[in-house]
Amino acid sequence: MHHCFLLRASPRLASPQPPPPLSPSSLHYLEELLRSTLFCGVACGVSIVMLVEDSCFLSHKVPWEYINSPRMVIAVTMHRFLLPFHPLLNQCHLVRSVSSLQKLEKDIRAEVEAKNYVKIPDLLIPLESCHSSKNNPFSFFSSFSQNMQVQVIDEMLQSFIPLRPRSKPKIALSFLLTYTLQSSHPLPIALAVLQRTLRSGCFPVPQTHVLLTSAWLDHRCLSHSVANVLLEMQSIGYHPDCGTCNYLLSSLCAVGQLAEAVKVLNGMGGAGCIPDFNSYGIVIGAISRARKTAEAVDLMKQMVVKYGLTPGQGTLVKLFAALRANREIWKAVEMIELLEKEGHSVEFESYEAVIEGCLEKHEYVLAGKVAMGMTERGFIPYIKSRQKIIEGLASIGEWKIACAVRQRFTSLKS
């Protein structure tokens, strides 16, 4: 009971003002003071994690019976003692982080100069959870000439190939890709790093989409064609492939550069990279989400008729959803007919989206036609859709079609 009274009586501390920068000697003194304090707390059974993850204690949201123990009282008391020192602790951490990064960069530079590139992934393990473009351990590359940078990066990429598991150089590749994309001459070397990253079974960090798009558009502004930009990889001993182009397409789509994505899709074949179903799926999906159905339908026809590729069901669902949202239901029905004519299957979800679109526009005859085609492929519309089709046909006097549709549903024991 006395412990609870201690907690209630203790006033909430006001937010402390940021302290002035500390000298190295002051930081050392503070470190010794806090070490002694923390040692006392741990000796009493207080977890260090409890002191760090303490927001619940500050707002007193934890039930009193939960903290009514000597251990919890000591924890809260120590937390309040340490609260004014939080800015100073952050300053200590910053000083140590900068010092550690400088040492790490020095160690990596030594391995680079000795051409011991295979040791670099192990050196970067401490940075696995704190990727930052501002504190890149490869920033010292900027002191090299452009040709020297390309040579060193190429040697590093080649040395990573035999490493096992393949994903071992993931952190090194991630920092390397970020550095090259932010350098003064990002392409084509960044595309080579991206290619090695993807072939290692790794995925770049999310901000790569923005950096890659920016570097690509800046390079394209110099009046280079899509094929020429991709073929520049050959000048440094690499060859563009579909995987690299697909990641570029996803980056362009992720930041809304849909027109450029279509240009890349149409131009990548000139660099020897024939688009696959993933290439079209990425672009058609993004364009469908933007409800630019005319472009999406054209690309789908190109994909299916010209290249004979089979679209993914997820891509079809997005396209039919966009056509339904734009109330272009006749185009949706025509697309189903085209796909079936070319020998491609349409799954239940796509059929259902088209039927619901027909019903929303009161195109009951068209809905009945799609439903009949749907049943021929072993699918049955939802019961609510079936009822609306039959009721809608009856309401416009199409009794013959309504009976035929109902009989079809009945024959399938629906």
Protein backbone atom coordinates (compact mmCIF):
# COMPACT_ATOMS: atom_id res chain seq x y z
CA MET A 1 0.00 0.00 0.00
CA HIS A 2 2.89 2.32 0.78
CA HIS A 3 4.32 1.61 -2.64
CA CYS A 4 1.10 2.70 -4.37
CA PHE A 5 1.07 5.90 -2.31
CA LEU A 6 4.63 6.58 -3.43
CA LEU A 7 3.59 6.33 -7.06
CA ARG A 8 0.54 8.57 -6.70
CA ALA A 9 2.39 11.21 -4.78
CA SER A 10 5.22 11.42 -7.28
CA PRO A 11 4.50 14.38 -9.58
CA ARG A 12 4.81 14.09 -13.35
CA LEU A 13 7.99 15.73 -14.52
CA ALA A 14 7.73 18.50 -17.07
CA SER A 15 9.37 17.91 -20.42
CA PRO A 16 13.04 18.86 -19.97
CA GLN A 17 14.65 21.46 -22.16
CA PRO A 18 17.32 20.18 -24.57
CA PRO A 19 20.66 20.33 -22.74
CA PRO A 20 23.77 21.95 -24.21
CA PRO A 21 26.30 19.64 -25.93
CA LEU A 22 28.43 17.69 -23.50
CA SER A 23 32.19 17.43 -23.53
CA PRO A 24 33.80 13.97 -23.74
CA SER A 25 34.66 14.11 -20.04
CA SER A 26 31.07 14.96 -19.11
CA LEU A 27 29.78 12.12 -21.25
CA HIS A 28 32.14 9.73 -19.48
CA TYR A 29 30.97 10.97 -16.07
CA LEU A 30 27.32 10.55 -17.04
CA GLU A 31 28.01 7.07 -18.33
CA GLU A 32 29.60 6.04 -15.03
CA LEU A 33 26.69 7.54 -13.06
CA LEU A 34 24.04 5.73 -15.10
CA ARG A 35 26.00 2.47 -15.01
CA SER A 36 25.91 2.52 -11.20
CA THR A 37 22.20 3.39 -11.18
CA LEU A 38 21.29 0.66 -13.64
CA PHE A 39 23.40 -1.86 -11.73
CA CYS A 40 21.39 -1.16 -8.57
CA GLY A 41 18.13 -1.59 -10.46
CA VAL A 42 19.15 -4.85 -12.09
CA ALA A 43 20.37 -6.15 -8.75
CA CYS A 44 16.80 -5.61 -7.50
CA GLY A 45 15.38 -7.62 -10.38
CA VAL A 46 14.42 -4.77 -12.74
CA SER A 47 14.65 -5.57 -16.46
CA ILE A 48 16.53 -3.14 -18.68
CA VAL A 49 13.78 -3.57 -21.28
CA MET A 50 11.32 -2.40 -18.66
CA LEU A 51 13.20 0.87 -18.39
CA VAL A 52 13.31 1.43 -22.12
CA GLU A 53 9.76 0.44 -23.08
CA ASP A 54 8.12 2.57 -20.42
CA SER A 55 5.50 4.74 -22.08
CA CYS A 56 2.73 2.88 -20.26
CA PHE A 57 4.17 3.85 -16.87
CA LEU A 58 4.40 7.52 -17.77
CA SER A 59 0.70 7.77 -18.48
CA HIS A 60 -0.19 5.51 -15.49
CA LYS A 61 -2.32 3.30 -17.75
CA VAL A 62 -1.14 0.10 -16.09
CA PRO A 63 -3.56 -1.22 -13.41
CA TRP A 64 -2.37 -0.48 -9.87
CA GLU A 65 -2.47 -4.12 -8.88
CA TYR A 66 0.00 -4.87 -11.68
CA ILE A 67 2.64 -2.49 -10.31
CA ASN A 68 1.94 -3.12 -6.61
CA SER A 69 5.25 -4.90 -6.03
CA PRO A 70 8.71 -3.74 -4.92
CA ARG A 71 10.18 -4.68 -8.28
CA MET A 72 7.70 -2.60 -10.26
CA VAL A 73 7.96 0.35 -7.87
CA ILE A 74 11.75 0.39 -8.30
CA ALA A 75 11.33 0.22 -12.07
CA VAL A 76 8.98 3.20 -12.22
CA THR A 77 11.08 5.19 -9.76
CA MET A 78 14.24 4.55 -11.80
CA HIS A 79 12.41 5.48 -14.97
CA ARG A 80 11.47 8.86 -13.52
CA PHE A 81 14.99 9.37 -12.35
CA LEU A 82 16.35 8.69 -15.84
CA LEU A 83 13.71 10.68 -17.74
CA PRO A 84 15.57 14.03 -17.60
CA PHE A 85 18.67 12.28 -18.97
CA HIS A 86 16.98 10.89 -22.10
CA PRO A 87 18.29 13.69 -24.39
CA LEU A 88 21.76 13.16 -22.98
CA LEU A 89 21.49 9.41 -23.50
CA ASN A 90 20.49 10.03 -27.10
CA GLN A 91 23.54 12.27 -27.47
CA CYS A 92 25.75 9.51 -26.08
CA HIS A 93 24.22 7.08 -28.55
CA LEU A 94 24.78 9.50 -31.45
CA VAL A 95 28.43 10.00 -30.58
CA ARG A 96 28.97 6.26 -30.33
CA SER A 97 27.08 5.65 -33.61
CA VAL A 98 29.17 8.16 -35.54
CA SER A 99 32.35 6.71 -34.09
CA SER A 100 31.27 3.15 -34.94
CA LEU A 101 30.32 4.12 -38.50
CA GLN A 102 33.68 5.81 -39.05
CA LYS A 103 35.49 2.71 -37.85
CA LEU A 104 33.30 0.48 -40.01
CA GLU A 105 33.93 2.62 -43.09
CA LYS A 106 37.66 2.49 -42.38
CA ASP A 107 37.56 -1.31 -42.10
CA ILE A 108 35.58 -1.65 -45.34
CA ARG A 109 37.97 0.66 -47.14
CA ALA A 110 40.88 -1.49 -46.01
CA GLU A 111 39.20 -4.62 -47.39
CA VAL A 112 38.43 -2.84 -50.66
CA GLU A 113 42.03 -1.74 -51.07
CA ALA A 114 43.17 -5.30 -50.32
CA LYS A 115 40.48 -6.66 -52.68
CA ASN A 116 39.13 -8.87 -49.89
CA TYR A 117 35.56 -8.17 -50.94
CA VAL A 118 34.15 -11.42 -49.53
CA LYS A 119 34.78 -10.13 -46.00
CA ILE A 120 32.58 -7.06 -46.47
CA PRO A 121 29.18 -8.78 -45.89
CA ASP A 122 30.31 -9.96 -42.44
CA LEU A 123 31.50 -6.46 -41.52
CA LEU A 124 28.06 -5.04 -42.35
CA ILE A 125 26.03 -7.42 -40.17
CA PRO A 126 25.69 -4.80 -37.35
CA LEU A 127 23.88 -2.50 -39.82
CA GLU A 128 21.28 -5.06 -40.84
CA SER A 129 18.44 -3.37 -38.96
CA CYS A 130 19.41 0.26 -39.49
CA HIS A 131 19.71 0.90 -43.21
CA SER A 132 20.17 4.61 -43.86
CA SER A 133 20.98 6.45 -47.06
CA LYS A 134 22.58 9.27 -45.02
CA ASN A 135 25.14 7.05 -43.30
CA ASN A 136 26.26 4.81 -46.12
CA PRO A 137 29.44 2.81 -45.38
CA PHE A 138 30.36 3.01 -49.07
CA SER A 139 30.30 6.81 -49.17
CA PHE A 140 34.10 6.86 -49.45
CA PHE A 141 33.68 5.63 -53.03
CA SER A 142 32.98 9.26 -53.94
CA SER A 143 36.73 9.94 -53.58
CA PHE A 144 37.40 7.49 -56.46
CA SER A 145 37.24 8.40 -60.11
CA GLN A 146 34.16 7.23 -62.02
CA ASN A 147 36.11 4.51 -63.82
CA MET A 148 37.63 3.34 -60.55
CA GLN A 149 34.19 3.18 -58.92
CA VAL A 150 32.84 1.04 -61.75
CA GLN A 151 35.85 -1.27 -61.57
CA VAL A 152 35.67 -1.75 -57.79
CA ILE A 153 31.90 -2.27 -57.77
CA ASP A 154 32.14 -4.77 -60.63
CA GLU A 155 34.87 -6.73 -58.80
CA MET A 156 32.79 -6.67 -55.64
CA LEU A 157 29.68 -7.96 -57.43
CA GLN A 158 31.64 -10.78 -59.06
CA SER A 159 33.17 -11.79 -55.72
CA PHE A 160 29.69 -12.08 -54.18
CA ILE A 161 28.45 -14.63 -56.73
CA PRO A 162 29.99 -17.79 -55.13
CA LEU A 163 28.94 -16.80 -51.59
CA ARG A 164 26.47 -19.12 -49.87
CA PRO A 165 23.75 -18.70 -48.95
CA ARG A 166 23.09 -16.52 -51.97
CA SER A 167 21.47 -13.87 -49.77
CA LYS A 168 24.60 -13.45 -47.63
CA PRO A 169 25.66 -10.17 -49.34
CA LYS A 170 22.13 -8.72 -48.95
CA ILE A 171 23.16 -5.83 -46.68
CA ALA A 172 26.22 -4.99 -48.76
CA LEU A 173 24.17 -5.00 -51.97
CA SER A 174 21.50 -2.84 -50.36
CA PHE A 175 23.95 -0.13 -49.30
CA LEU A 176 25.79 -0.43 -52.62
CA LEU A 177 22.56 0.04 -54.59
CA THR A 178 21.57 3.06 -52.51
CA TYR A 179 25.01 4.62 -52.97
CA THR A 180 25.11 4.12 -56.75
CA LEU A 181 21.57 5.47 -57.24
CA GLN A 182 22.47 8.64 -55.31
CA SER A 183 25.84 9.12 -57.02
CA SER A 184 26.48 11.65 -59.78
CA HIS A 185 26.51 8.93 -62.48
CA PRO A 186 24.00 6.28 -61.31
CA LEU A 187 23.40 4.49 -64.60
CA PRO A 188 24.28 1.96 -65.83
CA ILE A 189 26.24 0.74 -62.76
CA ALA A 190 23.16 0.91 -60.51
CA LEU A 191 21.29 -1.42 -62.89
CA ALA A 192 24.16 -3.91 -62.58
CA VAL A 193 23.93 -3.79 -58.78
CA LEU A 194 20.14 -4.15 -58.99
CA GLN A 195 20.51 -7.19 -61.25
CA ARG A 196 22.95 -8.90 -58.85
CA THR A 197 20.63 -8.09 -55.91
CA LEU A 198 17.64 -9.72 -57.60
CA ARG A 199 19.67 -12.73 -58.73
CA SER A 200 20.78 -13.22 -55.12
CA GLY A 201 17.13 -13.71 -54.19
CA CYS A 202 17.00 -10.38 -52.35
CA PHE A 203 14.63 -7.44 -52.70
CA PRO A 204 15.86 -3.86 -52.44
CA VAL A 205 14.62 -1.61 -49.65
CA PRO A 206 11.34 0.24 -50.44
CA GLN A 207 12.95 3.65 -51.01
CA THR A 208 14.78 2.13 -53.99
CA HIS A 209 11.62 2.66 -56.07
CA VAL A 210 11.93 6.44 -55.71
CA LEU A 211 15.71 6.55 -56.20
CA LEU A 212 15.62 4.29 -59.26
CA THR A 213 12.76 6.21 -60.86
CA SER A 214 14.56 9.52 -60.32
CA ALA A 215 17.82 8.21 -61.78
CA TRP A 216 16.02 6.64 -64.75
CA LEU A 217 14.00 9.76 -65.63
CA ASP A 218 17.07 12.00 -65.32
CA HIS A 219 18.96 9.75 -67.73
CA ARG A 220 16.05 9.53 -70.14
CA CYS A 221 15.83 13.34 -70.22
CA LEU A 222 19.11 13.27 -72.13
CA SER A 223 17.11 11.98 -75.13
CA HIS A 224 18.22 8.38 -74.70
CA SER A 225 15.76 5.73 -75.87
CA VAL A 226 14.66 2.98 -73.49
CA ALA A 227 16.67 0.36 -75.40
CA ASN A 228 19.82 2.51 -75.46
CA VAL A 229 19.72 3.16 -71.70
CA LEU A 230 19.35 -0.55 -71.00
CA LEU A 231 22.06 -1.50 -73.48
CA GLU A 232 24.51 0.80 -71.69
CA MET A 233 24.90 -2.07 -69.23
CA GLN A 234 26.92 -3.86 -71.90
CA SER A 235 29.61 -1.16 -71.71
CA ILE A 236 30.49 -2.39 -68.20
CA GLY A 237 30.17 -6.11 -68.96
CA TYR A 238 26.55 -6.74 -68.05
CA HIS A 239 23.42 -7.51 -70.06
CA PRO A 240 19.89 -6.32 -69.28
CA ASP A 241 17.39 -9.02 -68.39
CA CYS A 242 13.67 -9.30 -67.81
CA GLY A 243 13.97 -9.37 -64.01
CA THR A 244 15.81 -6.05 -63.91
CA CYS A 245 13.32 -4.48 -66.33
CA ASN A 246 10.38 -5.77 -64.30
CA TYR A 247 11.73 -4.17 -61.14
CA LEU A 248 12.16 -0.93 -63.07
CA LEU A 249 8.54 -1.21 -64.24
CA SER A 250 7.32 -1.77 -60.68
CA SER A 251 9.33 1.25 -59.49
CA LEU A 252 7.88 3.52 -62.17
CA CYS A 253 4.36 2.32 -61.39
CA ALA A 254 4.89 2.68 -57.63
CA VAL A 255 5.57 6.42 -57.97
CA GLY A 256 2.89 7.06 -60.57
CA GLN A 257 5.05 7.24 -63.70
CA LEU A 258 2.59 5.14 -65.71
CA ALA A 259 3.30 6.73 -69.11
CA GLU A 260 7.02 6.03 -68.72
CA ALA A 261 6.25 2.49 -67.57
CA VAL A 262 4.34 1.87 -70.82
CA LYS A 263 7.30 3.23 -72.81
CA VAL A 264 9.70 0.91 -70.99
CA LEU A 265 7.34 -2.04 -71.54
CA ASN A 266 7.20 -1.31 -75.27
CA GLY A 267 10.92 -0.51 -75.56
CA MET A 268 12.58 -3.23 -73.49
CA GLY A 269 12.32 -5.69 -76.38
CA GLY A 270 14.77 -3.51 -78.31
CA ALA A 271 17.39 -4.33 -75.67
CA GLY A 272 16.79 -8.06 -75.99
CA CYS A 273 14.41 -8.25 -73.02
CA ILE A 274 11.13 -9.69 -74.29
CA PRO A 275 8.34 -8.77 -71.85
CA ASP A 276 6.86 -11.71 -69.93
CA PHE A 277 3.48 -12.04 -68.24
CA ASN A 278 4.88 -10.37 -65.11
CA SER A 279 5.98 -7.34 -67.15
CA TYR A 280 2.49 -6.86 -68.54
CA GLY A 281 0.86 -7.73 -65.23
CA ILE A 282 2.76 -5.01 -63.38
CA VAL A 283 1.80 -2.28 -65.86
CA ILE A 284 -1.77 -3.40 -66.58
CA GLY A 285 -2.45 -3.73 -62.85
CA ALA A 286 -1.16 -0.23 -62.13
CA ILE A 287 -3.03 1.32 -65.06
CA SER A 288 -6.22 -0.48 -64.04
CA ARG A 289 -5.95 0.88 -60.49
CA ALA A 290 -5.75 4.34 -62.06
CA ARG A 291 -8.88 3.40 -64.08
CA LYS A 292 -7.19 4.15 -67.39
CA THR A 293 -9.11 1.35 -69.02
CA ALA A 294 -8.44 2.20 -72.68
CA GLU A 295 -4.66 1.77 -72.22
CA ALA A 296 -5.17 -1.31 -70.04
CA VAL A 297 -7.38 -3.02 -72.63
CA ASP A 298 -4.89 -2.25 -75.42
CA LEU A 299 -2.02 -3.73 -73.41
CA MET A 300 -4.07 -6.81 -72.56
CA LYS A 301 -4.83 -7.38 -76.26
CA GLN A 302 -1.15 -6.90 -77.09
CA MET A 303 -0.15 -9.34 -74.39
CA VAL A 304 -2.63 -12.04 -75.38
CA VAL A 305 -2.83 -11.70 -79.18
CA LYS A 306 0.62 -10.42 -80.18
CA TYR A 307 2.81 -12.29 -77.70
CA GLY A 308 0.53 -15.19 -76.78
CA LEU A 309 1.11 -14.68 -73.07
CA THR A 310 -1.33 -15.91 -70.43
CA PRO A 311 -2.44 -13.14 -68.07
CA GLY A 312 -2.48 -13.78 -64.34
CA GLN A 313 -5.88 -13.99 -62.70
CA GLY A 314 -4.96 -11.13 -60.37
CA THR A 315 -4.30 -8.92 -63.39
CA LEU A 316 -7.66 -9.85 -64.92
CA VAL A 317 -9.50 -9.11 -61.70
CA LYS A 318 -7.97 -5.63 -61.57
CA LEU A 319 -8.84 -4.95 -65.22
CA PHE A 320 -12.47 -6.11 -64.89
CA ALA A 321 -12.85 -4.16 -61.65
CA ALA A 322 -11.68 -1.01 -63.43
CA LEU A 323 -14.06 -1.62 -66.37
CA ARG A 324 -16.91 -2.15 -63.93
CA ALA A 325 -16.04 1.01 -62.00
CA ASN A 326 -16.02 2.97 -65.27
CA ARG A 327 -19.31 1.32 -66.26
CA GLU A 328 -17.70 0.02 -69.46
CA ILE A 329 -19.36 -3.33 -69.15
CA TRP A 330 -19.60 -4.07 -72.88
CA LYS A 331 -15.80 -3.79 -73.10
CA ALA A 332 -15.54 -6.24 -70.21
CA VAL A 333 -17.76 -8.78 -71.98
CA GLU A 334 -15.76 -8.36 -75.19
CA MET A 335 -12.55 -8.94 -73.25
CA ILE A 336 -13.91 -12.20 -71.80
CA GLU A 337 -14.82 -13.34 -75.31
CA LEU A 338 -11.34 -12.44 -76.59
CA LEU A 339 -9.60 -14.31 -73.77
CA GLU A 340 -11.70 -17.42 -74.29
CA LYS A 341 -11.17 -17.27 -78.04
CA GLU A 342 -7.39 -17.20 -77.50
CA GLY A 343 -7.65 -20.20 -75.17
CA HIS A 344 -7.16 -18.41 -71.85
CA SER A 345 -9.32 -19.24 -68.85
CA VAL A 346 -11.29 -16.69 -66.90
CA GLU A 347 -11.86 -17.48 -63.23
CA PHE A 348 -14.95 -17.05 -61.06
CA GLU A 349 -14.05 -13.67 -59.55
CA SER A 350 -13.69 -12.03 -62.96
CA TYR A 351 -16.99 -13.45 -64.21
CA GLU A 352 -18.78 -12.32 -61.07
CA ALA A 353 -17.41 -8.78 -61.40
CA VAL A 354 -18.71 -8.57 -64.97
CA ILE A 355 -22.14 -9.93 -64.02
CA GLU A 356 -22.46 -7.44 -61.17
CA GLY A 357 -21.45 -4.67 -63.55
CA CYS A 358 -24.17 -5.76 -65.99
CA LEU A 359 -26.77 -5.77 -63.22
CA GLU A 360 -25.71 -2.29 -62.05
CA LYS A 361 -26.38 -0.97 -65.57
CA HIS A 362 -29.61 -2.99 -65.86
CA GLU A 363 -28.15 -4.97 -68.77
CA TYR A 364 -30.09 -8.09 -67.79
CA VAL A 365 -29.84 -9.87 -71.16
CA LEU A 366 -26.09 -9.34 -71.19
CA ALA A 367 -25.89 -10.56 -67.58
CA GLY A 368 -27.79 -13.70 -68.55
CA LYS A 369 -25.43 -14.31 -71.46
CA VAL A 370 -22.34 -13.99 -69.24
CA ALA A 371 -23.94 -16.23 -66.59
CA MET A 372 -24.63 -18.94 -69.18
CA GLY A 373 -21.03 -18.80 -70.38
CA MET A 374 -19.88 -18.89 -66.78
CA THR A 375 -21.84 -22.08 -66.03
CA GLU A 376 -20.38 -23.78 -69.10
CA ARG A 377 -17.00 -23.52 -67.39
CA GLY A 378 -18.24 -24.99 -64.12
CA PHE A 379 -18.88 -21.74 -62.25
CA ILE A 380 -22.19 -20.66 -60.73
CA PRO A 381 -22.92 -17.00 -59.87
CA TYR A 382 -23.70 -16.06 -56.29
CA ILE A 383 -27.32 -16.74 -55.34
CA LYS A 384 -28.11 -13.04 -55.06
CA SER A 385 -26.76 -12.46 -58.57
CA ARG A 386 -28.81 -15.39 -59.90
CA GLN A 387 -31.99 -14.00 -58.39
CA LYS A 388 -31.34 -10.52 -59.79
CA ILE A 389 -30.67 -11.89 -63.29
CA ILE A 390 -33.93 -13.85 -63.42
CA GLU A 391 -35.98 -11.06 -61.83
CA GLY A 392 -34.40 -8.50 -64.16
CA LEU A 393 -35.13 -10.56 -67.27
CA ALA A 394 -38.71 -11.04 -66.15
CA SER A 395 -39.12 -7.30 -65.49
CA ILE A 396 -38.26 -6.46 -69.12
CA GLY A 397 -40.42 -9.23 -70.57
CA GLU A 398 -37.60 -11.58 -71.54
CA TRP A 399 -39.43 -14.64 -70.16
CA LYS A 400 -37.88 -17.07 -72.61
CA ILE A 401 -34.33 -16.11 -71.67
CA ALA A 402 -35.25 -16.04 -67.97
CA CYS A 403 -36.61 -19.60 -68.17
CA ALA A 404 -33.53 -20.81 -70.04
CA VAL A 405 -31.21 -19.29 -67.46
CA ARG A 406 -33.24 -20.66 -64.56
CA GLN A 407 -33.31 -24.11 -66.14
CA ARG A 408 -29.53 -23.95 -66.54
CA PHE A 409 -29.07 -23.05 -62.88
CA THR A 410 -31.47 -25.84 -61.87
CA SER A 411 -29.64 -28.42 -63.98
CA LEU A 412 -26.48 -27.58 -62.06
CA LYS A 413 -28.40 -28.14 -58.77
CA SER A 414 -27.95 -24.56 -57.79
